[in-house]
Amino acid sequence: MSVTIIATTTPLEGRRQDIIDALEATVPLVHAEPGNEAYAVYTTKETIVVIEKWTDMDSLKAHAEGEAAAKYKELKGDAAPPAEIVFLRSAPIGDPAKAVI
């Protein structure tokens, strides 16, 4: 069963672009990882939100221990505290083509 998470971070004052730059450098690596079904970045004025979908928990664990995650942490540095991560379980209601991300 696929795993979907939402990771939200609030960059420190004046460090938002540092997080965006770190994501721009690492997202292509994440997209190439085995088991990655989606890895999308969204922003608000205050926060950066990443919505991730993985084929299974093993692929998510491999991602968390892999090259892209390590590179992101290195590039991000102290620009933001650790992300708040929420694991989601699908409750497909309605049109199946539109009810699951």
Protein backbone atom coordinates (compact mmCIF):
# COMPACT_ATOMS: atom_id res chain seq x y z
CA MET A 1 0.00 0.00 0.00
CA SER A 2 1.36 3.43 -0.89
CA VAL A 3 2.44 5.91 1.78
CA THR A 4 1.59 9.60 1.56
CA ILE A 5 3.07 12.24 3.82
CA ILE A 6 2.93 15.98 4.19
CA ALA A 7 6.08 17.65 5.48
CA THR A 8 5.75 21.28 6.56
CA THR A 9 8.60 23.56 7.55
CA THR A 10 8.77 27.21 8.51
CA PRO A 11 12.10 28.73 7.47
CA LEU A 12 13.85 31.03 9.89
CA GLU A 13 13.63 34.76 9.18
CA GLY A 14 15.41 35.59 5.92
CA ARG A 15 16.20 31.94 5.10
CA ARG A 16 13.23 30.95 2.91
CA GLN A 17 15.26 31.10 -0.31
CA ASP A 18 17.89 28.80 1.23
CA ILE A 19 15.22 26.10 1.64
CA ILE A 20 13.88 26.66 -1.89
CA ASP A 21 17.43 26.40 -3.28
CA ALA A 22 18.07 23.18 -1.35
CA LEU A 23 14.84 21.69 -2.70
CA GLU A 24 15.65 22.74 -6.27
CA ALA A 25 18.96 20.91 -5.97
CA THR A 26 17.52 17.72 -4.51
CA VAL A 27 14.01 17.21 -5.91
CA PRO A 28 15.30 15.75 -9.22
CA LEU A 29 17.22 13.16 -7.18
CA VAL A 30 14.09 12.28 -5.21
CA HIS A 31 12.00 11.94 -8.37
CA ALA A 32 14.52 9.36 -9.64
CA GLU A 33 14.43 7.25 -6.46
CA PRO A 34 12.84 3.81 -6.62
CA GLY A 35 9.33 3.87 -5.21
CA ASN A 36 8.76 7.62 -5.55
CA GLU A 37 5.30 8.26 -6.98
CA ALA A 38 5.11 11.99 -6.20
CA TYR A 39 7.21 14.65 -4.51
CA ALA A 40 5.67 18.08 -4.90
CA VAL A 41 6.62 21.38 -3.28
CA TYR A 42 4.05 24.02 -2.33
CA THR A 43 4.58 27.31 -0.55
CA THR A 44 2.73 29.91 1.45
CA LYS A 45 4.17 33.19 2.61
CA GLU A 46 5.40 31.54 5.82
CA THR A 47 5.77 27.83 5.11
CA ILE A 48 7.09 25.31 2.65
CA VAL A 49 5.06 22.15 2.24
CA VAL A 50 6.20 18.95 0.54
CA ILE A 51 3.64 16.32 -0.38
CA GLU A 52 5.23 12.93 -0.93
CA LYS A 53 3.85 9.63 -2.14
CA TRP A 54 5.84 6.39 -2.00
CA THR A 55 4.94 2.91 -3.18
CA ASP A 56 5.52 1.50 0.31
CA MET A 57 7.13 2.19 3.67
CA ASP A 58 10.38 0.50 2.60
CA SER A 59 10.86 2.98 -0.26
CA LEU A 60 10.12 5.89 2.10
CA LYS A 61 12.66 4.57 4.60
CA ALA A 62 15.25 4.16 1.83
CA HIS A 63 14.58 7.76 0.77
CA ALA A 64 15.02 9.04 4.33
CA GLU A 65 18.41 7.31 4.52
CA GLY A 66 19.46 8.08 0.95
CA GLU A 67 21.62 10.54 -0.94
CA ALA A 68 18.91 13.10 -1.71
CA ALA A 69 17.80 13.42 1.93
CA ALA A 70 21.40 13.74 3.13
CA LYS A 71 22.18 16.37 0.48
CA TYR A 72 19.02 18.33 1.35
CA LYS A 73 19.91 18.34 5.06
CA GLU A 74 23.43 19.52 4.22
CA LEU A 75 22.23 22.29 1.90
CA LYS A 76 19.39 23.34 4.22
CA GLY A 77 21.74 23.66 7.15
CA ASP A 78 20.18 25.66 9.96
CA ALA A 79 17.73 27.58 7.74
CA ALA A 80 14.71 25.88 9.29
CA PRO A 81 13.86 23.57 12.17
CA PRO A 82 13.00 19.95 11.30
CA ALA A 83 9.81 19.59 9.30
CA GLU A 84 6.53 18.58 10.89
CA ILE A 85 5.63 15.30 9.18
CA VAL A 86 2.11 13.92 8.93
CA PHE A 87 1.45 10.41 7.60
CA LEU A 88 -1.82 10.13 5.69
CA ARG A 89 -4.09 7.19 5.01
CA SER A 90 -6.29 7.42 1.92
CA ALA A 91 -10.04 7.57 2.41
CA PRO A 92 -11.09 7.51 -1.27
CA ILE A 93 -14.51 9.08 -1.37
CA GLY A 94 -16.09 10.00 -4.68
CA ASP A 95 -14.58 9.65 -8.14
CA PRO A 96 -11.59 7.26 -7.77
CA ALA A 97 -9.66 9.17 -10.45
CA LYS A 98 -9.90 12.36 -8.39
CA ALA A 99 -10.14 11.06 -4.84
CA VAL A 100 -6.56 9.81 -4.37
CA ILE A 101 -3.37 11.79 -4.81
